[in-house]
């Protein structure tokens, strides 16, 4: 695959423009063989890419490398962490990875359920910390282990939050993630918070599994009936049942080594293997605007 060297410097407007490519709306265009947004950026910044030896995925990979070194935004952090940490440390046949997992009023960046539940919240150099305390309070109610991922240059800002919260640093120059502080494991999750995450079929199955039967209920009172029964289940037992249910949710964890730059957006869009194959086939089209 053809490549071009990175320039010594890029203006911020160009970098911000590049970063808009890693969005759901863009991937939906590529799935329809619409490369107008890529063509526009090639015309604007990278006309050398317009020859018969270069394809669109090669250009996307080039932009990713530029952002990785010059403008490490949230997508870069999240995608690199997914590729270089989660996929290497966890056996995904026994795990499931979620992108943007909603908890109360917060949305966790990445969550993995295997033997327990782990949440990873990413703070880039472009982010503030004003929402973090509220997010962490929400995560404590449902996750066994909590980690924040922060720029190496800002580690002192984030170590002050709480000793029980794990801290992982990211050095964008070496693309290296390092655990600076381990998370303290908590297996006593909040049943009320869990009930708002569980689907009706899921919380009814917990009641049936633990008590051996499902009590009489209807569509109007089933939530409250199940909630009262679940609150009486020992915390360790309930935590295990909750984690096991999350692991069998239909999430497409189809990660590709050859196209690793797009693993995060494919996870975010929950693309099937068939949809991913179509996407990568389309991106192999040669650039010719």
Protein backbone atom coordinates (compact mmCIF):
# COMPACT_ATOMS: atom_id res chain seq x y z
CA UNK A 1 0.00 0.00 0.00
CA UNK A 2 1.33 3.41 -0.98
CA UNK A 3 2.19 5.86 1.79
CA UNK A 4 3.32 9.45 2.10
CA UNK A 5 5.59 10.90 4.77
CA UNK A 6 4.09 13.06 7.45
CA UNK A 7 4.89 16.76 7.28
CA UNK A 8 6.73 18.44 10.13
CA UNK A 9 3.77 20.63 10.93
CA UNK A 10 0.06 20.95 10.16
CA UNK A 11 -2.25 23.88 10.86
CA UNK A 12 -4.96 23.28 13.46
CA UNK A 13 -7.77 23.85 10.98
CA UNK A 14 -6.44 21.06 8.78
CA UNK A 15 -6.10 18.70 11.73
CA UNK A 16 -9.62 19.46 12.93
CA UNK A 17 -10.86 18.90 9.38
CA UNK A 18 -9.08 15.54 9.24
CA UNK A 19 -10.62 14.47 12.56
CA UNK A 20 -14.18 14.83 11.17
CA UNK A 21 -13.66 11.74 9.00
CA UNK A 22 -13.95 9.25 11.85
CA UNK A 23 -17.69 9.66 12.34
CA UNK A 24 -20.74 7.49 11.75
CA UNK A 25 -22.08 9.82 9.07
CA UNK A 26 -18.85 9.42 7.09
CA UNK A 27 -18.81 5.63 7.36
CA UNK A 28 -22.42 5.51 6.18
CA UNK A 29 -21.33 7.40 3.04
CA UNK A 30 -18.45 4.98 2.42
CA UNK A 31 -20.84 2.04 2.76
CA UNK A 32 -22.74 3.60 -0.17
CA UNK A 33 -19.56 4.09 -2.20
CA UNK A 34 -19.75 7.85 -1.64
CA UNK A 35 -16.24 9.26 -1.15
CA UNK A 36 -17.05 12.93 -1.70
CA UNK A 37 -15.80 13.97 1.74
CA UNK A 38 -12.51 12.14 1.20
CA UNK A 39 -12.16 13.60 -2.29
CA UNK A 40 -12.67 17.08 -0.87
CA UNK A 41 -9.87 16.66 1.64
CA UNK A 42 -7.56 15.21 -0.99
CA UNK A 43 -8.23 18.22 -3.22
CA UNK A 44 -7.73 20.61 -0.32
CA UNK A 45 -4.63 19.15 1.33
CA UNK A 46 -3.20 16.07 -0.36
CA UNK A 47 -3.41 16.17 -4.13
CA UNK A 48 -0.46 13.76 -4.41
CA UNK A 49 -2.87 11.03 -3.38
CA UNK A 50 -4.82 11.40 -6.63
CA UNK A 51 -3.06 8.78 -8.73
CA UNK A 52 -3.83 5.24 -9.83
CA UNK A 53 -1.66 3.53 -7.20
CA UNK A 54 -3.47 4.76 -4.10
CA UNK A 55 -6.80 3.69 -2.62
CA UNK A 56 -9.15 5.38 -0.16
CA UNK A 57 -8.24 3.20 2.79
CA UNK A 58 -4.57 4.07 2.29
CA UNK A 59 -5.55 7.72 2.52
CA UNK A 60 -7.62 7.10 5.69
CA UNK A 61 -4.63 5.32 7.23
CA UNK A 62 -2.44 8.31 6.36
CA UNK A 63 -4.87 10.73 8.04
CA UNK A 64 -5.02 8.47 11.09
CA UNK A 65 -1.23 8.54 11.40
CA UNK A 66 -1.22 12.33 11.13
CA UNK A 67 -3.82 12.65 13.90
CA UNK A 68 -2.02 10.08 16.03
CA UNK A 69 1.15 12.17 16.07
CA UNK A 70 -0.16 15.70 15.72
CA UNK A 71 -3.74 15.83 17.03
CA UNK A 72 -4.56 12.86 19.33
CA UNK A 73 -8.28 13.39 19.83
CA UNK A 74 -10.76 11.09 21.58
CA UNK A 75 -11.18 8.78 18.59
CA UNK A 76 -7.42 8.16 18.41
CA UNK A 77 -7.16 7.46 22.15
CA UNK A 78 -10.17 5.16 22.14
CA UNK A 79 -9.21 3.25 19.00
CA UNK A 80 -5.59 2.78 20.07
CA UNK A 81 -6.66 1.63 23.52
CA UNK A 82 -9.10 -0.83 21.95
CA UNK A 83 -6.41 -2.22 19.63
CA UNK A 84 -3.34 -2.08 21.86
CA UNK A 85 -4.85 -2.90 25.24
CA UNK A 86 -8.27 -4.53 25.25
CA UNK A 87 -7.77 -6.78 22.23
CA UNK A 88 -4.36 -7.90 23.48
CA UNK A 89 -5.22 -8.43 27.15
CA UNK A 90 -8.65 -10.04 27.00
CA UNK A 91 -9.86 -13.20 25.27
CA UNK A 92 -12.89 -11.88 23.43
CA UNK A 93 -14.50 -15.30 23.05
CA UNK A 94 -15.25 -14.95 26.78
CA UNK A 95 -15.83 -11.19 26.78
CA UNK A 96 -17.90 -8.48 25.17
CA UNK A 97 -16.85 -4.88 24.55
CA UNK A 98 -19.36 -2.01 24.53
CA UNK A 99 -18.85 1.47 23.12
CA UNK A 100 -20.60 4.43 24.80
CA UNK A 101 -22.41 2.47 27.50
CA UNK A 102 -25.09 4.57 29.23
CA UNK A 103 -25.16 4.63 33.05
CA UNK A 104 -27.62 6.99 34.77
CA UNK A 105 -26.85 10.37 33.15
CA UNK A 106 -23.34 9.44 32.00
CA UNK A 107 -22.03 7.60 28.95
CA UNK A 108 -18.93 5.47 29.48
CA UNK A 109 -16.40 5.48 26.63
CA UNK A 110 -15.54 1.77 26.67
CA UNK A 111 -16.83 -1.08 28.82
CA UNK A 112 -15.80 -4.73 28.89
CA UNK A 113 -17.58 -7.61 30.57
CA UNK A 114 -15.62 -10.82 31.11
CA UNK A 115 -15.21 -12.31 34.59
CA UNK A 116 -16.21 -8.92 35.96
CA UNK A 117 -17.15 -5.51 34.59
CA UNK A 118 -14.57 -2.84 33.73
CA UNK A 119 -15.18 0.71 32.54
CA UNK A 120 -12.64 2.98 30.83
CA UNK A 121 -13.24 6.72 30.67
CA UNK A 122 -10.96 8.66 28.31
CA UNK A 123 -9.81 12.22 28.91
CA UNK A 124 -7.68 13.73 26.15
CA UNK A 125 -5.53 16.82 26.36
CA UNK A 126 -8.46 18.63 24.74
CA UNK A 127 -10.88 17.68 27.56
CA UNK A 128 -11.64 19.36 30.84
CA UNK A 129 -12.23 17.47 34.09
CA UNK A 130 -15.42 19.26 35.17
CA UNK A 131 -17.75 16.29 34.47
CA UNK A 132 -15.44 13.55 35.70
CA UNK A 133 -16.52 13.47 39.37
CA UNK A 134 -20.16 13.01 38.36
CA UNK A 135 -19.24 10.31 35.86
CA UNK A 136 -17.19 8.39 38.42
CA UNK A 137 -20.03 8.47 40.94
CA UNK A 138 -22.32 6.89 38.33
CA UNK A 139 -19.76 4.24 37.39
CA UNK A 140 -19.21 3.20 41.02
CA UNK A 141 -22.84 2.05 41.16
CA UNK A 142 -22.48 -0.59 38.46
CA UNK A 143 -18.88 -1.44 37.50
CA UNK A 144 -16.46 -3.68 39.38
CA UNK A 145 -13.38 -1.80 38.19
CA UNK A 146 -13.07 1.81 37.03
CA UNK A 147 -10.20 3.29 35.03
CA UNK A 148 -9.57 6.72 33.59
CA UNK A 149 -7.20 7.06 30.63
CA UNK A 150 -5.32 10.35 30.59
CA UNK A 151 -2.43 12.01 28.73
CA UNK A 152 0.93 11.27 30.31
CA UNK A 153 1.60 15.01 30.48
CA UNK A 154 -1.47 15.55 32.70
CA UNK A 155 -1.12 12.64 35.09
CA UNK A 156 -0.86 14.83 38.22
CA UNK A 157 -4.26 16.41 37.50
CA UNK A 158 -6.03 13.06 37.60
CA UNK A 159 -4.24 11.18 40.36
CA UNK A 160 -5.95 13.45 42.88
CA UNK A 161 -9.48 12.17 42.23
CA UNK A 162 -9.58 9.00 44.31
CA UNK A 163 -7.26 6.17 45.30
CA UNK A 164 -9.81 3.48 44.37
CA UNK A 165 -10.01 4.68 40.77
CA UNK A 166 -7.51 3.17 38.35
CA UNK A 167 -5.40 5.49 36.21
CA UNK A 168 -3.84 4.62 32.84
CA UNK A 169 -1.59 7.06 31.00
CA UNK A 170 -1.25 7.40 27.25
CA UNK A 171 1.90 8.73 25.58
CA UNK A 172 0.94 9.71 22.02
CA UNK A 173 4.59 9.94 20.98
CA UNK A 174 5.24 6.27 21.71
CA UNK A 175 1.59 5.11 21.52
CA UNK A 176 2.12 3.44 24.88
CA UNK A 177 -0.49 2.84 27.62
CA UNK A 178 0.74 2.36 31.19
CA UNK A 179 -1.17 1.53 34.38
CA UNK A 180 -0.11 4.08 36.98
CA UNK A 181 -2.74 3.19 39.56
CA UNK A 182 -4.73 -0.06 39.79
CA UNK A 183 -8.47 0.07 40.32
CA UNK A 184 -9.89 -1.33 43.56
CA UNK A 185 -12.42 -4.05 42.76
CA UNK A 186 -16.00 -3.59 43.98
CA UNK A 187 -18.49 -6.44 43.52
CA UNK A 188 -21.47 -4.80 45.29
CA UNK A 189 -23.29 -3.07 42.45
CA UNK A 190 -26.46 -1.03 42.90
CA UNK A 191 -29.61 -3.03 41.94
CA UNK A 192 -31.60 0.10 41.09
CA UNK A 193 -28.95 1.31 38.65
CA UNK A 194 -28.67 -2.18 37.17
CA UNK A 195 -32.44 -2.35 36.67
CA UNK A 196 -32.28 0.75 34.50
CA UNK A 197 -29.64 -0.93 32.33
CA UNK A 198 -31.28 -4.35 32.10
CA UNK A 199 -33.97 -5.03 29.53
CA UNK A 200 -37.30 -6.47 30.64
CA UNK A 201 -36.44 -9.97 29.46
CA UNK A 202 -33.08 -9.75 31.27
CA UNK A 203 -34.29 -8.71 34.73
CA UNK A 204 -37.12 -11.25 34.57
CA UNK A 205 -34.58 -13.97 33.75
CA UNK A 206 -32.51 -12.99 36.83
CA UNK A 207 -35.57 -13.39 39.05
CA UNK A 208 -36.42 -16.73 37.46
CA UNK A 209 -32.84 -17.99 37.69
CA UNK A 210 -32.35 -17.04 41.36
CA UNK A 211 -35.79 -17.86 42.77
CA UNK A 212 -36.55 -20.81 40.49
CA UNK A 213 -39.74 -19.23 39.15
CA UNK A 214 -41.22 -15.96 37.97
CA UNK A 215 -43.97 -14.57 40.26
CA UNK A 216 -47.31 -13.43 38.94
CA UNK A 217 -46.98 -9.99 37.37
CA UNK A 218 -48.23 -7.92 34.45
CA UNK A 219 -46.87 -5.27 32.08
CA UNK A 220 -47.72 -2.53 34.58
CA UNK A 221 -46.09 -3.90 37.73
CA UNK A 222 -43.34 -6.25 36.44
CA UNK A 223 -40.58 -3.66 36.92
CA UNK A 224 -41.42 -3.00 40.58
CA UNK A 225 -42.04 -6.68 41.37
CA UNK A 226 -38.69 -7.72 39.89
CA UNK A 227 -36.86 -4.78 41.45
CA UNK A 228 -37.97 -5.73 44.97
CA UNK A 229 -36.92 -9.34 44.44
CA UNK A 230 -33.57 -8.42 42.89
CA UNK A 231 -32.77 -6.12 45.81
CA UNK A 232 -32.90 -9.20 48.07
CA UNK A 233 -30.35 -11.20 46.05
CA UNK A 234 -26.89 -11.31 47.69
CA UNK A 235 -24.62 -8.72 46.00
CA UNK A 236 -21.98 -11.20 44.79
CA UNK A 237 -24.61 -13.44 43.20
CA UNK A 238 -26.41 -10.53 41.57
CA UNK A 239 -23.17 -9.09 40.21
CA UNK A 240 -22.32 -12.41 38.53
CA UNK A 241 -25.77 -12.72 36.95
CA UNK A 242 -25.62 -9.13 35.72
CA UNK A 243 -22.19 -9.62 34.13
CA UNK A 244 -23.26 -12.91 32.52
CA UNK A 245 -26.31 -11.25 30.95
CA UNK A 246 -24.25 -8.41 29.52
CA UNK A 247 -21.87 -10.95 27.96
CA UNK A 248 -24.62 -12.51 25.87
CA UNK A 249 -26.03 -9.29 24.44
CA UNK A 250 -25.82 -9.13 20.66
CA UNK A 251 -22.83 -6.85 20.12
CA UNK A 252 -20.70 -7.19 16.99
CA UNK A 253 -17.13 -7.45 18.29
CA UNK A 254 -15.71 -8.07 14.81
CA UNK A 255 -12.26 -6.51 15.09
CA UNK A 256 -9.86 -6.46 12.14
CA UNK A 257 -6.06 -6.39 12.31
CA UNK A 258 -5.67 -5.25 8.71
CA UNK A 259 -8.06 -2.34 9.13
CA UNK A 260 -7.40 -1.55 12.79
CA UNK A 261 -7.75 2.21 12.24
CA UNK A 262 -11.53 1.72 11.91
CA UNK A 263 -12.16 -0.81 14.69
CA UNK A 264 -13.58 1.79 17.05
CA UNK A 265 -16.06 3.31 14.60
CA UNK A 266 -17.21 -0.17 13.53
CA UNK A 267 -17.80 -1.02 17.20
CA UNK A 268 -19.68 2.26 17.73
CA UNK A 269 -21.94 1.47 14.77
CA UNK A 270 -22.25 -2.21 15.76
CA UNK A 271 -21.48 -3.24 12.17
CA UNK A 272 -21.93 -6.88 11.29
CA UNK A 273 -19.12 -8.83 9.64
CA UNK A 274 -20.97 -8.57 6.34
CA UNK A 275 -21.24 -4.79 6.67
CA UNK A 276 -17.56 -4.51 7.55
CA UNK A 277 -16.58 -6.60 4.54
CA UNK A 278 -18.59 -4.26 2.31
CA UNK A 279 -17.00 -1.20 3.91
CA UNK A 280 -13.43 -2.43 3.39
CA UNK A 281 -14.20 -3.59 -0.13
CA UNK A 282 -15.48 -0.11 -1.00
CA UNK A 283 -12.47 1.59 0.57
CA UNK A 284 -10.17 -0.45 -1.69
CA UNK A 285 -11.43 1.63 -4.62
CA UNK A 286 -8.63 3.61 -6.21
CA UNK A 287 -8.68 7.37 -5.75
CA UNK A 288 -9.82 9.02 -8.97
CA UNK A 289 -11.86 12.17 -8.50
